[in-house]
C-alpha atoms as a PDB file:
ATOM      1  CA  UNK A   1     -30.675   7.515  21.325  1.00  0.00           C
ATOM      2  CA  UNK A   2     -33.026   8.693  18.495  1.00  0.00           C
ATOM      3  CA  UNK A   3     -35.684  11.110  19.414  1.00  0.00           C
ATOM      4  CA  UNK A   4     -39.357  10.472  18.749  1.00  0.00           C
ATOM      5  CA  UNK A   5     -39.071  13.197  15.872  1.00  0.00           C
ATOM      6  CA  UNK A   6     -35.994  11.239  14.352  1.00  0.00           C
ATOM      7  CA  UNK A   7     -37.389   7.615  14.808  1.00  0.00           C
ATOM      8  CA  UNK A   8     -40.665   8.343  12.912  1.00  0.00           C
ATOM      9  CA  UNK A   9     -38.686   9.026   9.754  1.00  0.00           C
ATOM     10  CA  UNK A  10     -37.624   5.396   9.449  1.00  0.00           C
ATOM     11  CA  UNK A  11     -40.194   2.906   8.182  1.00  0.00           C
ATOM     12  CA  UNK A  12     -41.010  -0.154  10.428  1.00  0.00           C
ATOM     13  CA  UNK A  13     -42.177  -2.339   7.390  1.00  0.00           C
ATOM     14  CA  UNK A  14     -42.449  -2.069   3.598  1.00  0.00           C
ATOM     15  CA  UNK A  15     -45.977  -0.704   3.698  1.00  0.00           C
ATOM     16  CA  UNK A  16     -44.780   2.206   5.930  1.00  0.00           C
ATOM     17  CA  UNK A  17     -42.883   3.598   3.019  1.00  0.00           C
ATOM     18  CA  UNK A  18     -45.091   6.029   1.050  1.00  0.00           C
ATOM     19  CA  UNK A  19     -45.826   5.151  -2.461  1.00  0.00           C
ATOM     20  CA  UNK A  20     -48.546   3.473  -4.868  1.00  0.00           C
ATOM     21  CA  UNK A  21     -47.078  -0.003  -4.771  1.00  0.00           C
ATOM     22  CA  UNK A  22     -50.140  -2.173  -3.840  1.00  0.00           C
ATOM     23  CA  UNK A  23     -50.085  -5.481  -2.308  1.00  0.00           C
ATOM     24  CA  UNK A  24     -51.172  -7.422  -5.648  1.00  0.00           C
ATOM     25  CA  UNK A  25     -48.251  -5.809  -7.454  1.00  0.00           C
ATOM     26  CA  UNK A  26     -45.933  -6.815  -4.533  1.00  0.00           C
ATOM     27  CA  UNK A  27     -47.007 -10.254  -5.130  1.00  0.00           C
ATOM     28  CA  UNK A  28     -46.527 -10.100  -8.845  1.00  0.00           C
ATOM     29  CA  UNK A  29     -43.211  -8.473  -8.620  1.00  0.00           C
ATOM     30  CA  UNK A  30     -41.990 -11.182  -6.235  1.00  0.00           C
ATOM     31  CA  UNK A  31     -43.519 -14.001  -8.463  1.00  0.00           C
ATOM     32  CA  UNK A  32     -41.837 -12.912 -11.650  1.00  0.00           C
ATOM     33  CA  UNK A  33     -38.396 -12.433  -9.699  1.00  0.00           C
ATOM     34  CA  UNK A  34     -38.703 -15.732  -7.890  1.00  0.00           C
ATOM     35  CA  UNK A  35     -39.480 -17.553 -11.114  1.00  0.00           C
ATOM     36  CA  UNK A  36     -36.385 -16.098 -12.824  1.00  0.00           C
ATOM     37  CA  UNK A  37     -34.398 -17.029  -9.701  1.00  0.00           C
ATOM     38  CA  UNK A  38     -35.832 -20.730  -9.910  1.00  0.00           C
ATOM     39  CA  UNK A  39     -34.910 -21.039 -13.607  1.00  0.00           C
ATOM     40  CA  UNK A  40     -31.499 -19.689 -12.978  1.00  0.00           C
ATOM     41  CA  UNK A  41     -31.943 -16.384 -14.974  1.00  0.00           C
ATOM     42  CA  UNK A  42     -29.148 -14.093 -14.142  1.00  0.00           C
ATOM     43  CA  UNK A  43     -29.134 -10.347 -14.821  1.00  0.00           C
ATOM     44  CA  UNK A  44     -29.376  -6.956 -13.177  1.00  0.00           C
ATOM     45  CA  UNK A  45     -32.564  -5.074 -12.096  1.00  0.00           C
ATOM     46  CA  UNK A  46     -33.662  -1.628 -13.175  1.00  0.00           C
ATOM     47  CA  UNK A  47     -36.100   0.864 -11.961  1.00  0.00           C
ATOM     48  CA  UNK A  48     -36.900   4.182 -13.894  1.00  0.00           C
ATOM     49  CA  UNK A  49     -38.450   6.350 -11.391  1.00  0.00           C
ATOM     50  CA  UNK A  50     -38.032   5.608  -7.681  1.00  0.00           C
ATOM     51  CA  UNK A  51     -40.200   7.942  -5.580  1.00  0.00           C
ATOM     52  CA  UNK A  52     -39.366   7.168  -1.992  1.00  0.00           C
ATOM     53  CA  UNK A  53     -38.184   3.629  -2.549  1.00  0.00           C
ATOM     54  CA  UNK A  54     -41.073   1.295  -1.976  1.00  0.00           C
ATOM     55  CA  UNK A  55     -40.801  -0.788  -5.060  1.00  0.00           C
ATOM     56  CA  UNK A  56     -36.950  -0.522  -5.151  1.00  0.00           C
ATOM     57  CA  UNK A  57     -36.747  -2.023  -1.491  1.00  0.00           C
ATOM     58  CA  UNK A  58     -38.455  -5.025  -2.871  1.00  0.00           C
ATOM     59  CA  UNK A  59     -36.471  -5.287  -6.037  1.00  0.00           C
ATOM     60  CA  UNK A  60     -33.245  -5.044  -3.674  1.00  0.00           C
ATOM     61  CA  UNK A  61     -34.706  -8.106  -1.614  1.00  0.00           C
ATOM     62  CA  UNK A  62     -34.343 -10.231  -4.719  1.00  0.00           C
ATOM     63  CA  UNK A  63     -30.774  -9.257  -5.765  1.00  0.00           C
ATOM     64  CA  UNK A  64     -28.079 -12.263  -6.009  1.00  0.00           C
ATOM     65  CA  UNK A  65     -24.407 -12.062  -5.639  1.00  0.00           C
ATOM     66  CA  UNK A  66     -23.052 -10.339  -8.720  1.00  0.00           C
ATOM     67  CA  UNK A  67     -26.304  -8.636  -9.587  1.00  0.00           C
ATOM     68  CA  UNK A  68     -26.775  -4.948  -9.683  1.00  0.00           C
ATOM     69  CA  UNK A  69     -29.971  -2.951  -9.009  1.00  0.00           C
ATOM     70  CA  UNK A  70     -29.823   0.502 -10.836  1.00  0.00           C
ATOM     71  CA  UNK A  71     -32.286   3.198  -9.930  1.00  0.00           C
ATOM     72  CA  UNK A  72     -32.723   6.288 -12.108  1.00  0.00           C
ATOM     73  CA  UNK A  73     -34.513   9.244 -10.745  1.00  0.00           C
ATOM     74  CA  UNK A  74     -34.291  13.108 -10.957  1.00  0.00           C
ATOM     75  CA  UNK A  75     -34.775  13.449  -7.257  1.00  0.00           C
ATOM     76  CA  UNK A  76     -33.967  17.276  -6.721  1.00  0.00           C
ATOM     77  CA  UNK A  77     -32.444  17.581 -10.089  1.00  0.00           C
ATOM     78  CA  UNK A  78     -34.157  20.378 -12.239  1.00  0.00           C
ATOM     79  CA  UNK A  79     -36.323  18.491 -14.803  1.00  0.00           C
ATOM     80  CA  UNK A  80     -35.220  19.343 -18.480  1.00  0.00           C
ATOM     81  CA  UNK A  81     -38.517  20.740 -19.794  1.00  0.00           C
ATOM     82  CA  UNK A  82     -41.512  22.762 -19.043  1.00  0.00           C
ATOM     83  CA  UNK A  83     -43.930  19.702 -18.978  1.00  0.00           C
ATOM     84  CA  UNK A  84     -41.586  17.708 -16.848  1.00  0.00           C
ATOM     85  CA  UNK A  85     -41.129  20.524 -14.451  1.00  0.00           C
ATOM     86  CA  UNK A  86     -45.052  20.863 -14.171  1.00  0.00           C
ATOM     87  CA  UNK A  87     -45.424  17.097 -13.564  1.00  0.00           C
ATOM     88  CA  UNK A  88     -42.639  17.088 -10.795  1.00  0.00           C
ATOM     89  CA  UNK A  89     -44.234  20.043  -9.078  1.00  0.00           C
ATOM     90  CA  UNK A  90     -47.419  18.474  -8.967  1.00  0.00           C
ATOM     91  CA  UNK A  91     -46.885  15.015  -8.019  1.00  0.00           C
ATOM     92  CA  UNK A  92     -43.167  14.862  -6.548  1.00  0.00           C
ATOM     93  CA  UNK A  93     -42.588  18.009  -4.701  1.00  0.00           C
ATOM     94  CA  UNK A  94     -41.435  16.134  -1.521  1.00  0.00           C
ATOM     95  CA  UNK A  95     -39.213  13.736  -3.303  1.00  0.00           C
ATOM     96  CA  UNK A  96     -35.661  13.885  -2.164  1.00  0.00           C
ATOM     97  CA  UNK A  97     -32.627  11.594  -2.663  1.00  0.00           C
ATOM     98  CA  UNK A  98     -31.948  11.828   1.011  1.00  0.00           C
ATOM     99  CA  UNK A  99     -35.422  10.511   1.701  1.00  0.00           C
ATOM    100  CA  UNK A 100     -35.102   7.565  -0.677  1.00  0.00           C
ATOM    101  CA  UNK A 101     -31.624   6.512   0.689  1.00  0.00           C
ATOM    102  CA  UNK A 102     -32.928   6.609   4.294  1.00  0.00           C
ATOM    103  CA  UNK A 103     -35.960   4.431   3.378  1.00  0.00           C
ATOM    104  CA  UNK A 104     -33.761   2.027   1.416  1.00  0.00           C
ATOM    105  CA  UNK A 105     -31.143   1.603   4.076  1.00  0.00           C
ATOM    106  CA  UNK A 106     -33.697   0.913   6.513  1.00  0.00           C
ATOM    107  CA  UNK A 107     -33.953  -2.420   4.746  1.00  0.00           C
ATOM    108  CA  UNK A 108     -30.649  -3.117   3.270  1.00  0.00           C
ATOM    109  CA  UNK A 109     -26.949  -2.787   3.978  1.00  0.00           C
ATOM    110  CA  UNK A 110     -26.032  -0.917   0.863  1.00  0.00           C
ATOM    111  CA  UNK A 111     -27.726   1.507  -1.608  1.00  0.00           C
ATOM    112  CA  UNK A 112     -28.387   0.522  -5.063  1.00  0.00           C
ATOM    113  CA  UNK A 113     -26.536   2.200  -7.892  1.00  0.00           C
ATOM    114  CA  UNK A 114     -28.191   5.374  -8.230  1.00  0.00           C
ATOM    115  CA  UNK A 115     -28.352   7.514 -11.445  1.00  0.00           C
ATOM    116  CA  UNK A 116     -29.676  11.006 -10.636  1.00  0.00           C
ATOM    117  CA  UNK A 117     -30.643  12.313 -14.060  1.00  0.00           C
ATOM    118  CA  UNK A 118     -33.537  12.139 -16.554  1.00  0.00           C
ATOM    119  CA  UNK A 119     -34.466   8.409 -17.687  1.00  0.00           C
ATOM    120  CA  UNK A 120     -33.500   9.086 -21.286  1.00  0.00           C
ATOM    121  CA  UNK A 121     -29.850   8.950 -20.036  1.00  0.00           C
ATOM    122  CA  UNK A 122     -30.300   5.468 -18.758  1.00  0.00           C
ATOM    123  CA  UNK A 123     -28.826   3.608 -21.958  1.00  0.00           C
ATOM    124  CA  UNK A 124     -25.615   5.677 -21.287  1.00  0.00           C
ATOM    125  CA  UNK A 125     -25.181   4.034 -17.717  1.00  0.00           C
ATOM    126  CA  UNK A 126     -26.521   0.488 -18.144  1.00  0.00           C
ATOM    127  CA  UNK A 127     -25.184  -1.945 -20.672  1.00  0.00           C
ATOM    128  CA  UNK A 128     -27.462  -3.459 -23.477  1.00  0.00           C
ATOM    129  CA  UNK A 129     -28.887  -6.890 -22.882  1.00  0.00           C
ATOM    130  CA  UNK A 130     -27.770  -7.055 -19.165  1.00  0.00           C
ATOM    131  CA  UNK A 131     -31.243  -6.639 -17.195  1.00  0.00           C
ATOM    132  CA  UNK A 132     -33.732  -9.410 -16.425  1.00  0.00           C
ATOM    133  CA  UNK A 133     -36.405  -7.142 -14.909  1.00  0.00           C
ATOM    134  CA  UNK A 134     -37.186  -3.440 -15.516  1.00  0.00           C
ATOM    135  CA  UNK A 135     -39.770  -1.279 -13.766  1.00  0.00           C
ATOM    136  CA  UNK A 136     -40.709   1.847 -15.552  1.00  0.00           C
ATOM    137  CA  UNK A 137     -42.542   4.645 -13.356  1.00  0.00           C
ATOM    138  CA  UNK A 138     -40.353   7.852 -14.239  1.00  0.00           C
ATOM    139  CA  UNK A 139     -42.906   9.895 -16.031  1.00  0.00           C
ATOM    140  CA  UNK A 140     -46.514  10.082 -17.225  1.00  0.00           C
ATOM    141  CA  UNK A 141     -45.843  12.073 -20.504  1.00  0.00           C
ATOM    142  CA  UNK A 142     -46.117  10.037 -23.646  1.00  0.00           C
ATOM    143  CA  UNK A 143     -42.717  11.151 -25.253  1.00  0.00           C
ATOM    144  CA  UNK A 144     -40.791  10.198 -22.006  1.00  0.00           C
ATOM    145  CA  UNK A 145     -42.674   6.764 -21.468  1.00  0.00           C
ATOM    146  CA  UNK A 146     -42.255   6.087 -25.259  1.00  0.00           C
ATOM    147  CA  UNK A 147     -38.438   6.587 -24.881  1.00  0.00           C
ATOM    148  CA  UNK A 148     -38.237   4.542 -21.788  1.00  0.00           C
ATOM    149  CA  UNK A 149     -39.959   1.550 -23.255  1.00  0.00           C
ATOM    150  CA  UNK A 150     -37.355   1.645 -26.148  1.00  0.00           C
ATOM    151  CA  UNK A 151     -34.578   1.922 -23.456  1.00  0.00           C
ATOM    152  CA  UNK A 152     -36.119  -1.152 -21.790  1.00  0.00           C
ATOM    153  CA  UNK A 153     -36.047  -3.191 -24.852  1.00  0.00           C
ATOM    154  CA  UNK A 154     -32.343  -2.299 -25.333  1.00  0.00           C
ATOM    155  CA  UNK A 155     -31.415  -3.070 -21.924  1.00  0.00           C
ATOM    156  CA  UNK A 156     -33.414  -6.245 -21.144  1.00  0.00           C
ATOM    157  CA  UNK A 157     -32.358  -9.915 -21.834  1.00  0.00           C
ATOM    158  CA  UNK A 158     -34.484 -11.476 -24.643  1.00  0.00           C
ATOM    159  CA  UNK A 159     -36.937 -12.979 -21.983  1.00  0.00           C
ATOM    160  CA  UNK A 160     -36.742 -10.245 -19.582  1.00  0.00           C
ATOM    161  CA  UNK A 161     -39.868  -8.631 -17.850  1.00  0.00           C
ATOM    162  CA  UNK A 162     -40.735  -5.037 -18.260  1.00  0.00           C
ATOM    163  CA  UNK A 163     -43.281  -3.561 -15.903  1.00  0.00           C
ATOM    164  CA  UNK A 164     -45.212  -0.348 -16.919  1.00  0.00           C
ATOM    165  CA  UNK A 165     -46.890   1.518 -14.170  1.00  0.00           C
ATOM    166  CA  UNK A 166     -50.210   3.592 -14.389  1.00  0.00           C
ATOM    167  CA  UNK A 167     -50.905   2.170 -18.066  1.00  0.00           C
ATOM    168  CA  UNK A 168     -54.584   2.534 -17.505  1.00  0.00           C
ATOM    169  CA  UNK A 169     -55.325   5.536 -15.022  1.00  0.00           C
ATOM    170  CA  UNK A 170     -57.554   8.172 -16.061  1.00  0.00           C
ATOM    171  CA  UNK A 171     -54.838  10.882 -15.173  1.00  0.00           C
ATOM    172  CA  UNK A 172     -52.094   9.183 -17.318  1.00  0.00           C
ATOM    173  CA  UNK A 173     -53.309   8.829 -20.785  1.00  0.00           C
ATOM    174  CA  UNK A 174     -49.705   9.232 -22.148  1.00  0.00           C
ATOM    175  CA  UNK A 175     -48.648   6.214 -20.414  1.00  0.00           C
ATOM    176  CA  UNK A 176     -51.696   4.330 -21.927  1.00  0.00           C
ATOM    177  CA  UNK A 177     -50.931   5.420 -25.447  1.00  0.00           C
ATOM    178  CA  UNK A 178     -47.277   4.546 -25.150  1.00  0.00           C
ATOM    179  CA  UNK A 179     -47.823   1.189 -23.649  1.00  0.00           C
ATOM    180  CA  UNK A 180     -50.468   0.034 -26.095  1.00  0.00           C
ATOM    181  CA  UNK A 181     -48.653   1.416 -28.960  1.00  0.00           C
ATOM    182  CA  UNK A 182     -45.674  -0.521 -27.905  1.00  0.00           C
ATOM    183  CA  UNK A 183     -48.018  -3.659 -27.905  1.00  0.00           C
ATOM    184  CA  UNK A 184     -49.405  -2.981 -31.359  1.00  0.00           C
ATOM    185  CA  UNK A 185     -46.357  -1.727 -33.109  1.00  0.00           C
ATOM    186  CA  UNK A 186     -43.147  -2.336 -31.119  1.00  0.00           C
ATOM    187  CA  UNK A 187     -43.272  -6.057 -30.392  1.00  0.00           C
ATOM    188  CA  UNK A 188     -44.182  -5.837 -26.674  1.00  0.00           C
ATOM    189  CA  UNK A 189     -46.189  -8.784 -25.601  1.00  0.00           C
ATOM    190  CA  UNK A 190     -48.340  -8.732 -22.415  1.00  0.00           C
ATOM    191  CA  UNK A 191     -48.057 -11.252 -19.865  1.00  0.00           C
ATOM    192  CA  UNK A 192     -50.552  -9.888 -17.387  1.00  0.00           C
ATOM    193  CA  UNK A 193     -52.427  -6.738 -16.192  1.00  0.00           C
ATOM    194  CA  UNK A 194     -53.036  -5.684 -12.748  1.00  0.00           C
ATOM    195  CA  UNK A 195     -55.177  -2.447 -11.740  1.00  0.00           C
ATOM    196  CA  UNK A 196     -52.029  -0.384 -11.971  1.00  0.00           C
ATOM    197  CA  UNK A 197     -49.337  -2.179 -13.935  1.00  0.00           C
ATOM    198  CA  UNK A 198     -48.781  -3.869 -17.222  1.00  0.00           C
ATOM    199  CA  UNK A 199     -46.372  -6.732 -17.118  1.00  0.00           C
ATOM    200  CA  UNK A 200     -44.900  -7.721 -20.572  1.00  0.00           C
ATOM    201  CA  UNK A 201     -41.788  -9.272 -22.540  1.00  0.00           C
ATOM    202  CA  UNK A 202     -40.383  -9.082 -25.853  1.00  0.00           C
ATOM    203  CA  UNK A 203     -39.930 -12.890 -25.704  1.00  0.00           C
ATOM    204  CA  UNK A 204     -42.546 -15.607 -25.747  1.00  0.00           C
ATOM    205  CA  UNK A 205     -45.199 -14.907 -23.037  1.00  0.00           C
ATOM    206  CA  UNK A 206     -46.975 -18.361 -23.453  1.00  0.00           C
ATOM    207  CA  UNK A 207     -44.999 -20.364 -21.038  1.00  0.00           C
ATOM    208  CA  UNK A 208     -44.742 -17.655 -18.212  1.00  0.00           C
ATOM    209  CA  UNK A 209     -48.376 -16.921 -18.572  1.00  0.00           C
ATOM    210  CA  UNK A 210     -49.322 -20.645 -18.108  1.00  0.00           C
ATOM    211  CA  UNK A 211     -47.313 -20.769 -14.881  1.00  0.00           C
ATOM    212  CA  UNK A 212     -48.752 -17.483 -13.662  1.00  0.00           C
ATOM    213  CA  UNK A 213     -52.273 -18.521 -14.275  1.00  0.00           C
ATOM    214  CA  UNK A 214     -51.745 -21.719 -12.380  1.00  0.00           C
ATOM    215  CA  UNK A 215     -50.229 -19.939  -9.462  1.00  0.00           C
ATOM    216  CA  UNK A 216     -52.925 -17.090  -9.390  1.00  0.00           C
ATOM    217  CA  UNK A 217     -55.639 -19.546  -9.701  1.00  0.00           C
ATOM    218  CA  UNK A 218     -54.274 -21.379  -6.748  1.00  0.00           C
ATOM    219  CA  UNK A 219     -54.944 -18.185  -4.396  1.00  0.00           C
ATOM    220  CA  UNK A 220     -58.241 -17.351  -2.948  1.00  0.00           C
ATOM    221  CA  UNK A 221     -57.355 -13.600  -2.704  1.00  0.00           C
ATOM    222  CA  UNK A 222     -56.753 -13.091  -6.544  1.00  0.00           C
ATOM    223  CA  UNK A 223     -59.519 -13.023  -9.043  1.00  0.00           C
ATOM    224  CA  UNK A 224     -58.294 -13.921 -12.612  1.00  0.00           C
ATOM    225  CA  UNK A 225     -59.890 -13.477 -16.073  1.00  0.00           C
ATOM    226  CA  UNK A 226     -58.529 -14.089 -19.369  1.00  0.00           C
ATOM    227  CA  UNK A 227     -59.329 -12.204 -22.654  1.00  0.00           C
ATOM    228  CA  UNK A 228     -58.213 -11.858 -26.273  1.00  0.00           C
ATOM    229  CA  UNK A 229     -57.427  -8.576 -27.770  1.00  0.00           C
ATOM    230  CA  UNK A 230     -55.732  -7.708 -31.268  1.00  0.00           C
ATOM    231  CA  UNK A 231     -54.050 -11.264 -31.206  1.00  0.00           C
ATOM    232  CA  UNK A 232     -52.769 -11.016 -27.687  1.00  0.00           C
ATOM    233  CA  UNK A 233     -53.902 -13.221 -24.778  1.00  0.00           C
ATOM    234  CA  UNK A 234     -54.608 -10.809 -21.704  1.00  0.00           C
ATOM    235  CA  UNK A 235     -54.458 -12.098 -18.184  1.00  0.00           C
ATOM    236  CA  UNK A 236     -56.185  -9.804 -15.829  1.00  0.00           C
ATOM    237  CA  UNK A 237     -55.464 -10.049 -12.120  1.00  0.00           C
ATOM    238  CA  UNK A 238     -57.135  -8.102  -9.306  1.00  0.00           C
ATOM    239  CA  UNK A 239     -57.128  -8.289  -5.614  1.00  0.00           C
ATOM    240  CA  UNK A 240     -60.205 -10.096  -4.037  1.00  0.00           C
ATOM    241  CA  UNK A 241     -61.081  -9.494  -0.445  1.00  0.00           C
ATOM    242  CA  UNK A 242     -59.949  -6.732   1.959  1.00  0.00           C
ATOM    243  CA  UNK A 243     -56.607  -8.431   2.661  1.00  0.00           C
ATOM    244  CA  UNK A 244     -53.920 -10.311   0.607  1.00  0.00           C
ATOM    245  CA  UNK A 245     -51.470 -12.740   1.727  1.00  0.00           C
ATOM    246  CA  UNK A 246     -48.163 -11.072   1.244  1.00  0.00           C
ATOM    247  CA  UNK A 247     -45.103 -12.203  -0.383  1.00  0.00           C
ATOM    248  CA  UNK A 248     -41.728 -12.550   1.208  1.00  0.00           C
ATOM    249  CA  UNK A 249     -40.955  -8.929   2.175  1.00  0.00           C
ATOM    250  CA  UNK A 250     -37.530  -7.343   3.340  1.00  0.00           C
ATOM    251  CA  UNK A 251     -37.586  -6.716   6.906  1.00  0.00           C
ATOM    252  CA  UNK A 252     -36.685  -3.235   8.403  1.00  0.00           C
ATOM    253  CA  UNK A 253     -33.924  -2.365  10.948  1.00  0.00           C
ATOM    254  CA  UNK A 254     -36.582  -0.156  12.627  1.00  0.00           C
ATOM    255  CA  UNK A 255     -39.420  -2.547  13.119  1.00  0.00           C
ATOM    256  CA  UNK A 256     -42.485  -1.644  14.972  1.00  0.00           C
ATOM    257  CA  UNK A 257     -42.738  -2.267  18.508  1.00  0.00           C
ATOM    258  CA  UNK A 258     -42.867  -6.334  19.106  1.00  0.00           C
ATOM    259  CA  UNK A 259     -41.535  -7.040  15.679  1.00  0.00           C
ATOM    260  CA  UNK A 260     -38.373  -8.638  15.136  1.00  0.00           C
ATOM    261  CA  UNK A 261     -35.428  -6.645  13.954  1.00  0.00           C
ATOM    262  CA  UNK A 262     -33.635  -7.427  10.764  1.00  0.00           C
ATOM    263  CA  UNK A 263     -30.295  -9.184  11.134  1.00  0.00           C
ATOM    264  CA  UNK A 264     -27.420  -6.921  10.528  1.00  0.00           C
ATOM    265  CA  UNK A 265     -25.628  -9.472   8.128  1.00  0.00           C
ATOM    266  CA  UNK A 266     -25.640  -8.452   4.415  1.00  0.00           C
ATOM    267  CA  UNK A 267     -28.442  -9.564   2.270  1.00  0.00           C
ATOM    268  CA  UNK A 268     -27.329 -11.590  -0.684  1.00  0.00           C
ATOM    269  CA  UNK A 269     -26.385  -9.533  -3.603  1.00  0.00           C
ATOM    270  CA  UNK A 270     -25.978  -6.374  -1.586  1.00  0.00           C
ATOM    271  CA  UNK A 271     -22.234  -6.517  -1.110  1.00  0.00           C
ATOM    272  CA  UNK A 272     -21.601  -5.800  -4.770  1.00  0.00           C
ATOM    273  CA  UNK A 273     -23.776  -2.747  -4.403  1.00  0.00           C
ATOM    274  CA  UNK A 274     -21.345  -0.878  -2.080  1.00  0.00           C
ATOM    275  CA  UNK A 275     -19.823   1.762  -4.151  1.00  0.00           C
ATOM    276  CA  UNK A 276     -19.531   5.564  -4.321  1.00  0.00           C
ATOM    277  CA  UNK A 277     -22.762   7.346  -4.896  1.00  0.00           C
ATOM    278  CA  UNK A 278     -23.143   8.191  -8.525  1.00  0.00           C
ATOM    279  CA  UNK A 279     -22.476  12.027  -9.001  1.00  0.00           C
ATOM    280  CA  UNK A 280     -25.617  14.222  -9.946  1.00  0.00           C
ATOM    281  CA  UNK A 281     -25.584  15.403 -13.541  1.00  0.00           C
ATOM    282  CA  UNK A 282     -23.592  18.847 -14.064  1.00  0.00           C
ATOM    283  CA  UNK A 283     -25.098  21.532 -16.129  1.00  0.00           C
ATOM    284  CA  UNK A 284     -22.761  20.543 -18.922  1.00  0.00           C
ATOM    285  CA  UNK A 285     -23.865  16.859 -18.733  1.00  0.00           C
ATOM    286  CA  UNK A 286     -27.600  18.006 -18.969  1.00  0.00           C
ATOM    287  CA  UNK A 287     -26.835  20.280 -21.893  1.00  0.00           C
ATOM    288  CA  UNK A 288     -25.191  17.474 -23.815  1.00  0.00           C
ATOM    289  CA  UNK A 289     -27.970  15.047 -23.135  1.00  0.00           C
ATOM    290  CA  UNK A 290     -30.687  17.504 -24.003  1.00  0.00           C
ATOM    291  CA  UNK A 291     -28.723  18.190 -27.247  1.00  0.00           C
ATOM    292  CA  UNK A 292     -28.724  14.482 -27.785  1.00  0.00           C
ATOM    293  CA  UNK A 293     -32.660  13.970 -27.116  1.00  0.00           C
ATOM    294  CA  UNK A 294     -33.230  16.819 -29.945  1.00  0.00           C
ATOM    295  CA  UNK A 295     -31.371  14.896 -32.524  1.00  0.00           C
ATOM    296  CA  UNK A 296     -33.432  12.683 -34.925  1.00  0.00           C
ATOM    297  CA  UNK A 297     -34.310   9.297 -33.267  1.00  0.00           C
ATOM    298  CA  UNK A 298     -31.916   7.421 -35.764  1.00  0.00           C
ATOM    299  CA  UNK A 299     -28.995   9.698 -34.913  1.00  0.00           C
ATOM    300  CA  UNK A 300     -29.764   9.513 -31.254  1.00  0.00           C
ATOM    301  CA  UNK A 301     -29.683   5.612 -31.549  1.00  0.00           C
ATOM    302  CA  UNK A 302     -26.681   5.551 -33.303  1.00  0.00           C
ATOM    303  CA  UNK A 303     -24.631   7.607 -30.960  1.00  0.00           C
ATOM    304  CA  UNK A 304     -25.896   5.827 -27.905  1.00  0.00           C
ATOM    305  CA  UNK A 305     -25.016   2.447 -29.735  1.00  0.00           C
ATOM    306  CA  UNK A 306     -21.559   3.796 -30.189  1.00  0.00           C
ATOM    307  CA  UNK A 307     -21.193   4.951 -26.732  1.00  0.00           C
ATOM    308  CA  UNK A 308     -22.407   1.576 -25.519  1.00  0.00           C
ATOM    309  CA  UNK A 309     -19.815  -0.246 -27.711  1.00  0.00           C
ATOM    310  CA  UNK A 310     -16.954   2.124 -26.200  1.00  0.00           C
ATOM    311  CA  UNK A 311     -17.852   1.171 -22.637  1.00  0.00           C
ATOM    312  CA  UNK A 312     -18.131  -2.411 -23.421  1.00  0.00           C
ATOM    313  CA  UNK A 313     -14.808  -2.150 -24.952  1.00  0.00           C
ATOM    314  CA  UNK A 314     -13.331  -0.280 -22.101  1.00  0.00           C
ATOM    315  CA  UNK A 315     -14.866  -2.928 -19.626  1.00  0.00           C
ATOM    316  CA  UNK A 316     -13.156  -5.771 -21.529  1.00  0.00           C
ATOM    317  CA  UNK A 317      -9.994  -4.187 -21.530  1.00  0.00           C
ATOM    318  CA  UNK A 318     -10.085  -3.480 -17.812  1.00  0.00           C
ATOM    319  CA  UNK A 319     -11.137  -7.133 -17.055  1.00  0.00           C
ATOM    320  CA  UNK A 320      -8.181  -8.400 -19.225  1.00  0.00           C
ATOM    321  CA  UNK A 321      -5.363  -6.665 -17.243  1.00  0.00           C
ATOM    322  CA  UNK A 322      -3.441  -8.708 -15.045  1.00  0.00           C
END
């Protein structure tokens, strides 16, 4: 039997998991993911920057058979540069992979695919055009966010949704610059804005915006406004009142007293996630990747495209074997 000291480590519901994933964004994540499911859109899910797993747990709740959730975070790995090290020491000193895994497994039967490394390596790990939804929250530094947005564009399906965290907070100007630069100069098209996150696509936002507006205007706990800026329609949503009607949330194995425990059978899509944990990057790996990051962008993109093509070729050869 677990001691009281051991038990308190396990979240009784999603909101027991530390993190900055507010109810409105839980509603919006769920709406976009459920819309994709209704439309039959298939693809993997991606999160760059996991912290202690709050948003990853919700993403895992929406996995279907054959889909993969990939989570990329440094966890305890040494950041690659001084600015990253300062950011990690200030905001993420308590972050450990063990804590993330403990929280995630409180709600799901198997871990997501974990890439324990800097987010700039994600295009070496995930195939181009394979993801339907990507959440970017790995760094507040402009250079890293700029690169993460470029990676998301490469990895998403044409109508996939990308979510940028902290795009408007006063302490994260680098995210704001990278986000709006992508809107003005890199073809990113906003779908909606919450107080914390920008939801956008490189596809056509009009149809999804109309459906979202209808859904949000049907709620009495969300205030919606629509504005125009630089040729883009901006749908702004904010929580109204003290409590929001929550979306469907995953249930914990360790519920608070009186709450029903989650059934032990596998959540749809989770069986595909049972795999050995991805090994942490070695010093040699990090040296090679840092060298790649220091190359001119055109050379870096060419190298990564070549590596992606080689991986795709290898996967195709493996699938063709009897």
